[in-house]
Amino acid sequence: ACKQASYHPDVSKEVRGRALHFGTEC
C-alpha cells in the first residue's frame, strides 16, 4: 500500500521519497 500510494499521480517526488523512507523505517 505504501509503495502504491507513493507512486500516485498527485504525489511529488519529494513526498514519494519520504513515504518510501518511512515505509522502510517502519
mmCIF file of all heavy atoms, coordinates in Angstrom:
data_MODEL
# 
_entry.id   MODEL 
# 
loop_
_atom_site.group_PDB 
_atom_site.id 
_atom_site.type_symbol 
_atom_site.label_atom_id 
_atom_site.label_alt_id 
_atom_site.label_comp_id 
_atom_site.label_asym_id 
_atom_site.label_entity_id 
_atom_site.label_seq_id 
_atom_site.pdbx_PDB_ins_code 
_atom_site.Cartn_x 
_atom_site.Cartn_y 
_atom_site.Cartn_z 
_atom_site.occupancy 
_atom_site.B_iso_or_equiv 
_atom_site.pdbx_formal_charge 
_atom_site.auth_seq_id 
_atom_site.auth_comp_id 
_atom_site.auth_asym_id 
_atom_site.auth_atom_id 
_atom_site.pdbx_PDB_model_num 
ATOM 1   N N   . ALA A 1 1  ? 0.831  -1.215 0.000   1.00 0.00 ? 1  ALA A N   1 
ATOM 2   C CA  . ALA A 1 1  ? 0.000  0.000  0.000   1.00 0.00 ? 1  ALA A CA  1 
ATOM 3   C C   . ALA A 1 1  ? 0.860  1.257  0.000   1.00 0.00 ? 1  ALA A C   1 
ATOM 4   O O   . ALA A 1 1  ? 0.558  2.236  -0.690  1.00 0.00 ? 1  ALA A O   1 
ATOM 5   C CB  . ALA A 1 1  ? -0.925 -0.002 1.219   1.00 0.00 ? 1  ALA A CB  1 
ATOM 6   N N   . CYS A 1 2  ? 1.954  1.227  0.758   1.00 0.00 ? 2  CYS A N   1 
ATOM 7   C CA  . CYS A 1 2  ? 2.851  2.387  0.847   1.00 0.00 ? 2  CYS A CA  1 
ATOM 8   C C   . CYS A 1 2  ? 3.484  2.690  -0.513  1.00 0.00 ? 2  CYS A C   1 
ATOM 9   O O   . CYS A 1 2  ? 3.505  3.845  -0.959  1.00 0.00 ? 2  CYS A O   1 
ATOM 10  C CB  . CYS A 1 2  ? 3.930  2.119  1.896   1.00 0.00 ? 2  CYS A CB  1 
ATOM 11  S SG  . CYS A 1 2  ? 5.129  3.459  2.051   1.00 0.00 ? 2  CYS A SG  1 
ATOM 12  N N   . LYS A 1 3  ? 3.970  1.658  -1.191  1.00 0.00 ? 3  LYS A N   1 
ATOM 13  C CA  . LYS A 1 3  ? 4.621  1.872  -2.481  1.00 0.00 ? 3  LYS A CA  1 
ATOM 14  C C   . LYS A 1 3  ? 3.608  2.323  -3.534  1.00 0.00 ? 3  LYS A C   1 
ATOM 15  O O   . LYS A 1 3  ? 3.882  3.218  -4.334  1.00 0.00 ? 3  LYS A O   1 
ATOM 16  C CB  . LYS A 1 3  ? 5.338  0.596  -2.944  1.00 0.00 ? 3  LYS A CB  1 
ATOM 17  C CG  . LYS A 1 3  ? 6.275  0.857  -4.135  1.00 0.00 ? 3  LYS A CG  1 
ATOM 18  C CD  . LYS A 1 3  ? 7.370  -0.171 -4.256  1.00 0.00 ? 3  LYS A CD  1 
ATOM 19  C CE  . LYS A 1 3  ? 8.379  0.231  -5.319  1.00 0.00 ? 3  LYS A CE  1 
ATOM 20  N NZ  . LYS A 1 3  ? 9.491  -0.714 -5.439  1.00 0.00 ? 3  LYS A NZ  1 
ATOM 21  N N   . GLN A 1 4  ? 2.429  1.709  -3.524  1.00 0.00 ? 4  GLN A N   1 
ATOM 22  C CA  . GLN A 1 4  ? 1.392  2.101  -4.484  1.00 0.00 ? 4  GLN A CA  1 
ATOM 23  C C   . GLN A 1 4  ? 0.949  3.537  -4.266  1.00 0.00 ? 4  GLN A C   1 
ATOM 24  O O   . GLN A 1 4  ? 0.763  4.293  -5.230  1.00 0.00 ? 4  GLN A O   1 
ATOM 25  C CB  . GLN A 1 4  ? 0.183  1.155  -4.374  1.00 0.00 ? 4  GLN A CB  1 
ATOM 26  C CG  . GLN A 1 4  ? 0.438  -0.223 -4.964  1.00 0.00 ? 4  GLN A CG  1 
ATOM 27  C CD  . GLN A 1 4  ? -0.742 -1.165 -4.826  1.00 0.00 ? 4  GLN A CD  1 
ATOM 28  O OE1 . GLN A 1 4  ? -1.720 -0.852 -4.149  1.00 0.00 ? 4  GLN A OE1 1 
ATOM 29  N NE2 . GLN A 1 4  ? -0.662 -2.318 -5.458  1.00 0.00 ? 4  GLN A NE2 1 
ATOM 30  N N   . ALA A 1 5  ? 0.821  3.941  -3.002  1.00 0.00 ? 5  ALA A N   1 
ATOM 31  C CA  . ALA A 1 5  ? 0.409  5.316  -2.684  1.00 0.00 ? 5  ALA A CA  1 
ATOM 32  C C   . ALA A 1 5  ? 1.501  6.315  -3.049  1.00 0.00 ? 5  ALA A C   1 
ATOM 33  O O   . ALA A 1 5  ? 1.216  7.427  -3.523  1.00 0.00 ? 5  ALA A O   1 
ATOM 34  C CB  . ALA A 1 5  ? 0.049  5.431  -1.210  1.00 0.00 ? 5  ALA A CB  1 
ATOM 35  N N   . SER A 1 6  ? 2.757  5.907  -2.861  1.00 0.00 ? 6  SER A N   1 
ATOM 36  C CA  . SER A 1 6  ? 3.873  6.835  -3.141  1.00 0.00 ? 6  SER A CA  1 
ATOM 37  C C   . SER A 1 6  ? 4.011  7.131  -4.635  1.00 0.00 ? 6  SER A C   1 
ATOM 38  O O   . SER A 1 6  ? 4.606  8.130  -5.016  1.00 0.00 ? 6  SER A O   1 
ATOM 39  C CB  . SER A 1 6  ? 5.183  6.276  -2.583  1.00 0.00 ? 6  SER A CB  1 
ATOM 40  O OG  . SER A 1 6  ? 5.598  5.150  -3.314  1.00 0.00 ? 6  SER A OG  1 
ATOM 41  N N   . TYR A 1 7  ? 3.457  6.250  -5.473  1.00 0.00 ? 7  TYR A N   1 
ATOM 42  C CA  . TYR A 1 7  ? 3.516  6.471  -6.930  1.00 0.00 ? 7  TYR A CA  1 
ATOM 43  C C   . TYR A 1 7  ? 2.197  7.024  -7.482  1.00 0.00 ? 7  TYR A C   1 
ATOM 44  O O   . TYR A 1 7  ? 1.991  7.043  -8.691  1.00 0.00 ? 7  TYR A O   1 
ATOM 45  C CB  . TYR A 1 7  ? 3.887  5.165  -7.650  1.00 0.00 ? 7  TYR A CB  1 
ATOM 46  C CG  . TYR A 1 7  ? 5.382  4.914  -7.645  1.00 0.00 ? 7  TYR A CG  1 
ATOM 47  C CD1 . TYR A 1 7  ? 5.992  4.228  -6.595  1.00 0.00 ? 7  TYR A CD1 1 
ATOM 48  C CD2 . TYR A 1 7  ? 6.193  5.380  -8.672  1.00 0.00 ? 7  TYR A CD2 1 
ATOM 49  C CE1 . TYR A 1 7  ? 7.354  4.007  -6.572  1.00 0.00 ? 7  TYR A CE1 1 
ATOM 50  C CE2 . TYR A 1 7  ? 7.566  5.158  -8.666  1.00 0.00 ? 7  TYR A CE2 1 
ATOM 51  C CZ  . TYR A 1 7  ? 8.143  4.473  -7.613  1.00 0.00 ? 7  TYR A CZ  1 
ATOM 52  O OH  . TYR A 1 7  ? 9.498  4.263  -7.600  1.00 0.00 ? 7  TYR A OH  1 
ATOM 53  N N   . HIS A 1 8  ? 1.327  7.478  -6.600  1.00 0.00 ? 8  HIS A N   1 
ATOM 54  C CA  . HIS A 1 8  ? 0.066  8.105  -7.029  1.00 0.00 ? 8  HIS A CA  1 
ATOM 55  C C   . HIS A 1 8  ? 0.394  9.365  -7.833  1.00 0.00 ? 8  HIS A C   1 
ATOM 56  O O   . HIS A 1 8  ? 1.332  10.100 -7.482  1.00 0.00 ? 8  HIS A O   1 
ATOM 57  C CB  . HIS A 1 8  ? -0.783 8.453  -5.797  1.00 0.00 ? 8  HIS A CB  1 
ATOM 58  C CG  . HIS A 1 8  ? -2.181 8.844  -6.125  1.00 0.00 ? 8  HIS A CG  1 
ATOM 59  N ND1 . HIS A 1 8  ? -2.534 10.127 -6.475  1.00 0.00 ? 8  HIS A ND1 1 
ATOM 60  C CD2 . HIS A 1 8  ? -3.324 8.096  -6.179  1.00 0.00 ? 8  HIS A CD2 1 
ATOM 61  C CE1 . HIS A 1 8  ? -3.827 10.164 -6.713  1.00 0.00 ? 8  HIS A CE1 1 
ATOM 62  N NE2 . HIS A 1 8  ? -4.340 8.950  -6.543  1.00 0.00 ? 8  HIS A NE2 1 
ATOM 63  N N   . PRO A 1 9  ? -0.350 9.628  -8.917  1.00 0.00 ? 9  PRO A N   1 
ATOM 64  C CA  . PRO A 1 9  ? -0.051 10.785 -9.769  1.00 0.00 ? 9  PRO A CA  1 
ATOM 65  C C   . PRO A 1 9  ? 0.029  12.129 -9.039  1.00 0.00 ? 9  PRO A C   1 
ATOM 66  O O   . PRO A 1 9  ? 0.771  13.022 -9.447  1.00 0.00 ? 9  PRO A O   1 
ATOM 67  C CB  . PRO A 1 9  ? -1.221 10.800 -10.770 1.00 0.00 ? 9  PRO A CB  1 
ATOM 68  C CG  . PRO A 1 9  ? -1.759 9.417  -10.758 1.00 0.00 ? 9  PRO A CG  1 
ATOM 69  C CD  . PRO A 1 9  ? -1.499 8.857  -9.410  1.00 0.00 ? 9  PRO A CD  1 
ATOM 70  N N   . ASP A 1 10 ? -0.717 12.266 -7.937  1.00 0.00 ? 10 ASP A N   1 
ATOM 71  C CA  . ASP A 1 10 ? -0.734 13.541 -7.204  1.00 0.00 ? 10 ASP A CA  1 
ATOM 72  C C   . ASP A 1 10 ? 0.442  13.694 -6.232  1.00 0.00 ? 10 ASP A C   1 
ATOM 73  O O   . ASP A 1 10 ? 0.585  14.740 -5.588  1.00 0.00 ? 10 ASP A O   1 
ATOM 74  C CB  . ASP A 1 10 ? -2.041 13.678 -6.404  1.00 0.00 ? 10 ASP A CB  1 
ATOM 75  C CG  . ASP A 1 10 ? -3.253 13.747 -7.326  1.00 0.00 ? 10 ASP A CG  1 
ATOM 76  O OD1 . ASP A 1 10 ? -3.067 14.055 -8.523  1.00 0.00 ? 10 ASP A OD1 1 
ATOM 77  O OD2 . ASP A 1 10 ? -4.375 13.467 -6.862  1.00 0.00 ? 10 ASP A OD2 1 
ATOM 78  N N   . VAL A 1 11 ? 1.253  12.649 -6.112  1.00 0.00 ? 11 VAL A N   1 
ATOM 79  C CA  . VAL A 1 11 ? 2.344  12.672 -5.136  1.00 0.00 ? 11 VAL A CA  1 
ATOM 80  C C   . VAL A 1 11 ? 3.631  13.187 -5.789  1.00 0.00 ? 11 VAL A C   1 
ATOM 81  O O   . VAL A 1 11 ? 4.043  12.710 -6.838  1.00 0.00 ? 11 VAL A O   1 
ATOM 82  C CB  . VAL A 1 11 ? 2.575  11.251 -4.555  1.00 0.00 ? 11 VAL A CB  1 
ATOM 83  C CG1 . VAL A 1 11 ? 3.824  11.206 -3.690  1.00 0.00 ? 11 VAL A CG1 1 
ATOM 84  C CG2 . VAL A 1 11 ? 1.356  10.810 -3.744  1.00 0.00 ? 11 VAL A CG2 1 
ATOM 85  N N   . SER A 1 12 ? 4.259  14.179 -5.126  1.00 0.00 ? 12 SER A N   1 
ATOM 86  C CA  . SER A 1 12 ? 5.511  14.743 -5.656  1.00 0.00 ? 12 SER A CA  1 
ATOM 87  C C   . SER A 1 12 ? 6.680  13.789 -5.387  1.00 0.00 ? 12 SER A C   1 
ATOM 88  O O   . SER A 1 12 ? 6.571  12.887 -4.556  1.00 0.00 ? 12 SER A O   1 
ATOM 89  C CB  . SER A 1 12 ? 5.800  16.088 -4.991  1.00 0.00 ? 12 SER A CB  1 
ATOM 90  O OG  . SER A 1 12 ? 6.109  15.887 -3.618  1.00 0.00 ? 12 SER A OG  1 
ATOM 91  N N   . LYS A 1 13 ? 7.796  14.044 -6.070  1.00 0.00 ? 13 LYS A N   1 
ATOM 92  C CA  . LYS A 1 13 ? 8.984  13.197 -5.906  1.00 0.00 ? 13 LYS A CA  1 
ATOM 93  C C   . LYS A 1 13 ? 9.491  13.248 -4.467  1.00 0.00 ? 13 LYS A C   1 
ATOM 94  O O   . LYS A 1 13 ? 9.919  12.246 -3.900  1.00 0.00 ? 13 LYS A O   1 
ATOM 95  C CB  . LYS A 1 13 ? 10.089 13.661 -6.861  1.00 0.00 ? 13 LYS A CB  1 
ATOM 96  C CG  . LYS A 1 13 ? 10.234 12.779 -8.082  1.00 0.00 ? 13 LYS A CG  1 
ATOM 97  C CD  . LYS A 1 13 ? 11.495 13.127 -8.839  1.00 0.00 ? 13 LYS A CD  1 
ATOM 98  C CE  . LYS A 1 13 ? 11.707 12.099 -9.974  1.00 0.00 ? 13 LYS A CE  1 
ATOM 99  N NZ  . LYS A 1 13 ? 12.919 12.391 -10.744 1.00 0.00 ? 13 LYS A NZ  1 
ATOM 100 N N   . GLU A 1 14 ? 9.423  14.449 -3.883  1.00 0.00 ? 14 GLU A N   1 
ATOM 101 C CA  . GLU A 1 14 ? 9.910  14.628 -2.517  1.00 0.00 ? 14 GLU A CA  1 
ATOM 102 C C   . GLU A 1 14 ? 9.064  13.815 -1.533  1.00 0.00 ? 14 GLU A C   1 
ATOM 103 O O   . GLU A 1 14 ? 9.592  13.120 -0.669  1.00 0.00 ? 14 GLU A O   1 
ATOM 104 C CB  . GLU A 1 14 ? 9.873  16.118 -2.150  1.00 0.00 ? 14 GLU A CB  1 
ATOM 105 C CG  . GLU A 1 14 ? 10.508 16.432 -0.803  1.00 0.00 ? 14 GLU A CG  1 
ATOM 106 C CD  . GLU A 1 14 ? 9.742  17.494 -0.012  1.00 0.00 ? 14 GLU A CD  1 
ATOM 107 O OE1 . GLU A 1 14 ? 8.922  18.224 -0.613  1.00 0.00 ? 14 GLU A OE1 1 
ATOM 108 O OE2 . GLU A 1 14 ? 9.970  17.556 1.202   1.00 0.00 ? 14 GLU A OE2 1 
ATOM 109 N N   . VAL A 1 15 ? 7.743  13.904 -1.692  1.00 0.00 ? 15 VAL A N   1 
ATOM 110 C CA  . VAL A 1 15 ? 6.832  13.172 -0.795  1.00 0.00 ? 15 VAL A CA  1 
ATOM 111 C C   . VAL A 1 15 ? 6.990  11.662 -1.002  1.00 0.00 ? 15 VAL A C   1 
ATOM 112 O O   . VAL A 1 15 ? 6.978  10.886 -0.044  1.00 0.00 ? 15 VAL A O   1 
ATOM 113 C CB  . VAL A 1 15 ? 5.368  13.619 -1.022  1.00 0.00 ? 15 VAL A CB  1 
ATOM 114 C CG1 . VAL A 1 15 ? 4.405  12.741 -0.229  1.00 0.00 ? 15 VAL A CG1 1 
ATOM 115 C CG2 . VAL A 1 15 ? 5.193  15.079 -0.622  1.00 0.00 ? 15 VAL A CG2 1 
ATOM 116 N N   . ARG A 1 16 ? 7.180  11.270 -2.271  1.00 0.00 ? 16 ARG A N   1 
ATOM 117 C CA  . ARG A 1 16 ? 7.382  9.847  -2.564  1.00 0.00 ? 16 ARG A CA  1 
ATOM 118 C C   . ARG A 1 16 ? 8.614  9.323  -1.818  1.00 0.00 ? 16 ARG A C   1 
ATOM 119 O O   . ARG A 1 16 ? 8.574  8.272  -1.191  1.00 0.00 ? 16 ARG A O   1 
ATOM 120 C CB  . ARG A 1 16 ? 7.578  9.625  -4.057  1.00 0.00 ? 16 ARG A CB  1 
ATOM 121 C CG  . ARG A 1 16 ? 7.867  8.151  -4.408  1.00 0.00 ? 16 ARG A CG  1 
ATOM 122 C CD  . ARG A 1 16 ? 8.197  7.983  -5.882  1.00 0.00 ? 16 ARG A CD  1 
ATOM 123 N NE  . ARG A 1 16 ? 7.109  8.468  -6.683  1.00 0.00 ? 16 ARG A NE  1 
ATOM 124 C CZ  . ARG A 1 16 ? 7.221  8.892  -7.943  1.00 0.00 ? 16 ARG A CZ  1 
ATOM 125 N NH1 . ARG A 1 16 ? 8.419  8.895  -8.532  1.00 0.00 ? 16 ARG A NH1 1 
ATOM 126 N NH2 . ARG A 1 16 ? 6.186  9.327  -8.621  1.00 0.00 ? 16 ARG A NH2 1 
ATOM 127 N N   . GLY A 1 17 ? 9.696  10.094 -1.891  1.00 0.00 ? 17 GLY A N   1 
ATOM 128 C CA  . GLY A 1 17 ? 10.934 9.694  -1.223  1.00 0.00 ? 17 GLY A CA  1 
ATOM 129 C C   . GLY A 1 17 ? 10.734 9.540  0.275   1.00 0.00 ? 17 GLY A C   1 
ATOM 130 O O   . GLY A 1 17 ? 11.221 8.581  0.881   1.00 0.00 ? 17 GLY A O   1 
ATOM 131 N N   . ARG A 1 18 ? 9.969  10.464 0.867   1.00 0.00 ? 18 ARG A N   1 
ATOM 132 C CA  . ARG A 1 18 ? 9.710  10.398 2.318   1.00 0.00 ? 18 ARG A CA  1 
ATOM 133 C C   . ARG A 1 18 ? 8.842  9.197  2.660   1.00 0.00 ? 18 ARG A C   1 
ATOM 134 O O   . ARG A 1 18 ? 9.079  8.497  3.658   1.00 0.00 ? 18 ARG A O   1 
ATOM 135 C CB  . ARG A 1 18 ? 9.053  11.692 2.780   1.00 0.00 ? 18 ARG A CB  1 
ATOM 136 C CG  . ARG A 1 18 ? 10.061 12.839 2.946   1.00 0.00 ? 18 ARG A CG  1 
ATOM 137 C CD  . ARG A 1 18 ? 9.385  14.189 3.101   1.00 0.00 ? 18 ARG A CD  1 
ATOM 138 N NE  . ARG A 1 18 ? 8.468  14.222 4.225   1.00 0.00 ? 18 ARG A NE  1 
ATOM 139 C CZ  . ARG A 1 18 ? 7.447  15.080 4.334   1.00 0.00 ? 18 ARG A CZ  1 
ATOM 140 N NH1 . ARG A 1 18 ? 7.233  15.965 3.385   1.00 0.00 ? 18 ARG A NH1 1 
ATOM 141 N NH2 . ARG A 1 18 ? 6.670  15.071 5.374   1.00 0.00 ? 18 ARG A NH2 1 
ATOM 142 N N   . ALA A 1 19 ? 7.820  8.949  1.824   1.00 0.00 ? 19 ALA A N   1 
ATOM 143 C CA  . ALA A 1 19 ? 6.912  7.819  2.070   1.00 0.00 ? 19 ALA A CA  1 
ATOM 144 C C   . ALA A 1 19 ? 7.682  6.495  2.017   1.00 0.00 ? 19 ALA A C   1 
ATOM 145 O O   . ALA A 1 19 ? 7.531  5.631  2.891   1.00 0.00 ? 19 ALA A O   1 
ATOM 146 C CB  . ALA A 1 19 ? 5.786  7.805  1.039   1.00 0.00 ? 19 ALA A CB  1 
ATOM 147 N N   . LEU A 1 20 ? 8.540  6.354  1.001   1.00 0.00 ? 20 LEU A N   1 
ATOM 148 C CA  . LEU A 1 20 ? 9.325  5.124  0.863   1.00 0.00 ? 20 LEU A CA  1 
ATOM 149 C C   . LEU A 1 20 ? 10.323 4.973  2.013   1.00 0.00 ? 20 LEU A C   1 
ATOM 150 O O   . LEU A 1 20 ? 10.553 3.871  2.515   1.00 0.00 ? 20 LEU A O   1 
ATOM 151 C CB  . LEU A 1 20 ? 10.063 5.114  -0.486  1.00 0.00 ? 20 LEU A CB  1 
ATOM 152 C CG  . LEU A 1 20 ? 9.156  5.054  -1.736  1.00 0.00 ? 20 LEU A CG  1 
ATOM 153 C CD1 . LEU A 1 20 ? 9.979  5.211  -3.000  1.00 0.00 ? 20 LEU A CD1 1 
ATOM 154 C CD2 . LEU A 1 20 ? 8.365  3.744  -1.784  1.00 0.00 ? 20 LEU A CD2 1 
ATOM 155 N N   . HIS A 1 21 ? 10.879 6.109  2.449   1.00 0.00 ? 21 HIS A N   1 
ATOM 156 C CA  . HIS A 1 21 ? 11.826 6.095  3.574   1.00 0.00 ? 21 HIS A CA  1 
ATOM 157 C C   . HIS A 1 21 ? 11.137 5.604  4.847   1.00 0.00 ? 21 HIS A C   1 
ATOM 158 O O   . HIS A 1 21 ? 11.653 4.729  5.555   1.00 0.00 ? 21 HIS A O   1 
ATOM 159 C CB  . HIS A 1 21 ? 12.393 7.504  3.797   1.00 0.00 ? 21 HIS A CB  1 
ATOM 160 C CG  . HIS A 1 21 ? 13.134 7.656  5.084   1.00 0.00 ? 21 HIS A CG  1 
ATOM 161 N ND1 . HIS A 1 21 ? 14.394 7.119  5.294   1.00 0.00 ? 21 HIS A ND1 1 
ATOM 162 C CD2 . HIS A 1 21 ? 12.770 8.273  6.264   1.00 0.00 ? 21 HIS A CD2 1 
ATOM 163 C CE1 . HIS A 1 21 ? 14.781 7.399  6.538   1.00 0.00 ? 21 HIS A CE1 1 
ATOM 164 N NE2 . HIS A 1 21 ? 13.821 8.091  7.133   1.00 0.00 ? 21 HIS A NE2 1 
ATOM 165 N N   . PHE A 1 22 ? 9.937  6.150  5.126   1.00 0.00 ? 22 PHE A N   1 
ATOM 166 C CA  . PHE A 1 22 ? 9.253  5.771  6.366   1.00 0.00 ? 22 PHE A CA  1 
ATOM 167 C C   . PHE A 1 22 ? 8.671  4.356  6.288   1.00 0.00 ? 22 PHE A C   1 
ATOM 168 O O   . PHE A 1 22 ? 8.555  3.673  7.313   1.00 0.00 ? 22 PHE A O   1 
ATOM 169 C CB  . PHE A 1 22 ? 8.181  6.801  6.736   1.00 0.00 ? 22 PHE A CB  1 
ATOM 170 C CG  . PHE A 1 22 ? 8.769  8.093  7.242   1.00 0.00 ? 22 PHE A CG  1 
ATOM 171 C CD1 . PHE A 1 22 ? 8.560  9.292  6.573   1.00 0.00 ? 22 PHE A CD1 1 
ATOM 172 C CD2 . PHE A 1 22 ? 9.572  8.099  8.376   1.00 0.00 ? 22 PHE A CD2 1 
ATOM 173 C CE1 . PHE A 1 22 ? 9.132  10.476 7.028   1.00 0.00 ? 22 PHE A CE1 1 
ATOM 174 C CE2 . PHE A 1 22 ? 10.143 9.285  8.845   1.00 0.00 ? 22 PHE A CE2 1 
ATOM 175 C CZ  . PHE A 1 22 ? 9.922  10.477 8.167   1.00 0.00 ? 22 PHE A CZ  1 
ATOM 176 N N   . GLY A 1 23 ? 8.329  3.912  5.078   1.00 0.00 ? 23 GLY A N   1 
ATOM 177 C CA  . GLY A 1 23 ? 7.902  2.520  4.908   1.00 0.00 ? 23 GLY A CA  1 
ATOM 178 C C   . GLY A 1 23 ? 9.030  1.575  5.288   1.00 0.00 ? 23 GLY A C   1 
ATOM 179 O O   . GLY A 1 23 ? 8.823  0.563  5.974   1.00 0.00 ? 23 GLY A O   1 
ATOM 180 N N   . THR A 1 24 ? 10.235 1.924  4.873   1.00 0.00 ? 24 THR A N   1 
ATOM 181 C CA  . THR A 1 24 ? 11.426 1.136  5.214   1.00 0.00 ? 24 THR A CA  1 
ATOM 182 C C   . THR A 1 24 ? 11.690 1.179  6.712   1.00 0.00 ? 24 THR A C   1 
ATOM 183 O O   . THR A 1 24 ? 11.937 0.143  7.355   1.00 0.00 ? 24 THR A O   1 
ATOM 184 C CB  . THR A 1 24 ? 12.665 1.667  4.448   1.00 0.00 ? 24 THR A CB  1 
ATOM 185 O OG1 . THR A 1 24 ? 12.460 1.481  3.049   1.00 0.00 ? 24 THR A OG1 1 
ATOM 186 C CG2 . THR A 1 24 ? 13.933 0.939  4.870   1.00 0.00 ? 24 THR A CG2 1 
ATOM 187 N N   . GLU A 1 25 ? 11.637 2.397  7.288   1.00 0.00 ? 25 GLU A N   1 
ATOM 188 C CA  . GLU A 1 25 ? 11.904 2.560  8.725   1.00 0.00 ? 25 GLU A CA  1 
ATOM 189 C C   . GLU A 1 25 ? 10.915 1.763  9.572   1.00 0.00 ? 25 GLU A C   1 
ATOM 190 O O   . GLU A 1 25 ? 11.293 1.129  10.563  1.00 0.00 ? 25 GLU A O   1 
ATOM 191 C CB  . GLU A 1 25 ? 11.819 4.047  9.106   1.00 0.00 ? 25 GLU A CB  1 
ATOM 192 C CG  . GLU A 1 25 ? 12.973 4.895  8.584   1.00 0.00 ? 25 GLU A CG  1 
ATOM 193 C CD  . GLU A 1 25 ? 14.311 4.507  9.192   1.00 0.00 ? 25 GLU A CD  1 
ATOM 194 O OE1 . GLU A 1 25 ? 14.456 4.618  10.415  1.00 0.00 ? 25 GLU A OE1 1 
ATOM 195 O OE2 . GLU A 1 25 ? 15.190 4.044  8.434   1.00 0.00 ? 25 GLU A OE2 1 
ATOM 196 N N   . CYS A 1 26 ? 9.661  1.803  9.174   1.00 0.00 ? 26 CYS A N   1 
ATOM 197 C CA  . CYS A 1 26 ? 8.610  1.070  9.897   1.00 0.00 ? 26 CYS A CA  1 
ATOM 198 C C   . CYS A 1 26 ? 8.907  -0.431 9.869   1.00 0.00 ? 26 CYS A C   1 
ATOM 199 O O   . CYS A 1 26 ? 8.812  -1.113 10.890  1.00 0.00 ? 26 CYS A O   1 
ATOM 200 C CB  . CYS A 1 26 ? 7.248  1.356  9.258   1.00 0.00 ? 26 CYS A CB  1 
ATOM 201 S SG  . CYS A 1 26 ? 5.889  0.422  9.977   1.00 0.00 ? 26 CYS A SG  1 
# 
